[in-house]
């Protein structure tokens, strides 16, 4: 995430924002999540795995 300072987005919103999140979810049959939420979930999973390994 260090490179965020160097590169600026050409458009402030992603393509999903223009099309509409719910429309894209319906057409693709997928759940769209914010990147921050996904990162937090991955960190929580990594911590849970680390705790499981310590207990084993």
C-alpha atoms as a PDB file:
ATOM      1  CA  UNK A   1       0.000   0.000   0.000  1.00  0.00           C
ATOM      2  CA  UNK A   2       3.052   2.248  -0.057  1.00  0.00           C
ATOM      3  CA  UNK A   3       2.546   2.949  -3.751  1.00  0.00           C
ATOM      4  CA  UNK A   4      -0.781   4.711  -3.164  1.00  0.00           C
ATOM      5  CA  UNK A   5       1.132   7.924  -2.575  1.00  0.00           C
ATOM      6  CA  UNK A   6       2.814   7.727  -5.970  1.00  0.00           C
ATOM      7  CA  UNK A   7      -0.081   6.685  -8.163  1.00  0.00           C
ATOM      8  CA  UNK A   8      -3.335   8.559  -8.486  1.00  0.00           C
ATOM      9  CA  UNK A   9      -6.489   6.957  -9.794  1.00  0.00           C
ATOM     10  CA  UNK A  10      -7.667   8.176 -13.152  1.00  0.00           C
ATOM     11  CA  UNK A  11     -11.251   8.013 -11.909  1.00  0.00           C
ATOM     12  CA  UNK A  12     -12.223   8.401  -8.255  1.00  0.00           C
ATOM     13  CA  UNK A  13     -14.672   5.474  -8.348  1.00  0.00           C
ATOM     14  CA  UNK A  14     -14.345   1.908  -9.529  1.00  0.00           C
ATOM     15  CA  UNK A  15     -16.380   0.554 -12.438  1.00  0.00           C
ATOM     16  CA  UNK A  16     -18.767  -1.092  -9.989  1.00  0.00           C
ATOM     17  CA  UNK A  17     -19.729   2.311  -8.609  1.00  0.00           C
ATOM     18  CA  UNK A  18     -20.849   3.477 -12.053  1.00  0.00           C
ATOM     19  CA  UNK A  19     -22.829   0.325 -12.802  1.00  0.00           C
ATOM     20  CA  UNK A  20     -24.252  -0.071  -9.325  1.00  0.00           C
ATOM     21  CA  UNK A  21     -23.159  -2.597  -6.719  1.00  0.00           C
ATOM     22  CA  UNK A  22     -26.459  -4.482  -6.535  1.00  0.00           C
ATOM     23  CA  UNK A  23     -26.767  -4.693 -10.324  1.00  0.00           C
ATOM     24  CA  UNK A  24     -23.271  -6.129 -10.640  1.00  0.00           C
ATOM     25  CA  UNK A  25     -23.884  -8.571  -7.782  1.00  0.00           C
ATOM     26  CA  UNK A  26     -27.029  -9.861  -9.481  1.00  0.00           C
ATOM     27  CA  UNK A  27     -25.450 -10.162 -12.926  1.00  0.00           C
ATOM     28  CA  UNK A  28     -22.277 -11.888 -11.697  1.00  0.00           C
ATOM     29  CA  UNK A  29     -23.909 -13.852  -8.916  1.00  0.00           C
ATOM     30  CA  UNK A  30     -21.225 -12.719  -6.478  1.00  0.00           C
ATOM     31  CA  UNK A  31     -20.951 -10.703  -3.299  1.00  0.00           C
ATOM     32  CA  UNK A  32     -18.990  -7.483  -3.597  1.00  0.00           C
ATOM     33  CA  UNK A  33     -17.166  -6.355  -0.469  1.00  0.00           C
ATOM     34  CA  UNK A  34     -15.100  -3.304   0.298  1.00  0.00           C
ATOM     35  CA  UNK A  35     -11.359  -3.921   0.199  1.00  0.00           C
ATOM     36  CA  UNK A  36     -10.914  -2.727   3.778  1.00  0.00           C
ATOM     37  CA  UNK A  37     -13.405  -5.312   5.029  1.00  0.00           C
ATOM     38  CA  UNK A  38     -11.692  -8.076   3.075  1.00  0.00           C
ATOM     39  CA  UNK A  39      -8.304  -7.112   4.513  1.00  0.00           C
ATOM     40  CA  UNK A  40      -9.708  -7.181   8.053  1.00  0.00           C
ATOM     41  CA  UNK A  41     -11.240 -10.621   7.457  1.00  0.00           C
ATOM     42  CA  UNK A  42      -7.937 -11.983   6.148  1.00  0.00           C
ATOM     43  CA  UNK A  43      -6.081 -10.610   9.171  1.00  0.00           C
ATOM     44  CA  UNK A  44      -8.630 -12.173  11.527  1.00  0.00           C
ATOM     45  CA  UNK A  45      -8.287 -15.544   9.768  1.00  0.00           C
ATOM     46  CA  UNK A  46      -4.489 -15.374   9.986  1.00  0.00           C
ATOM     47  CA  UNK A  47      -4.682 -14.621  13.709  1.00  0.00           C
ATOM     48  CA  UNK A  48      -7.103 -17.512  14.248  1.00  0.00           C
ATOM     49  CA  UNK A  49      -4.777 -19.901  12.406  1.00  0.00           C
ATOM     50  CA  UNK A  50      -1.814 -18.690  14.452  1.00  0.00           C
ATOM     51  CA  UNK A  51      -3.731 -19.350  17.677  1.00  0.00           C
ATOM     52  CA  UNK A  52      -4.681 -22.846  16.484  1.00  0.00           C
ATOM     53  CA  UNK A  53      -1.048 -23.643  15.725  1.00  0.00           C
ATOM     54  CA  UNK A  54       0.026 -22.451  19.178  1.00  0.00           C
ATOM     55  CA  UNK A  55      -2.555 -24.679  20.836  1.00  0.00           C
ATOM     56  CA  UNK A  56      -1.505 -27.761  18.830  1.00  0.00           C
END
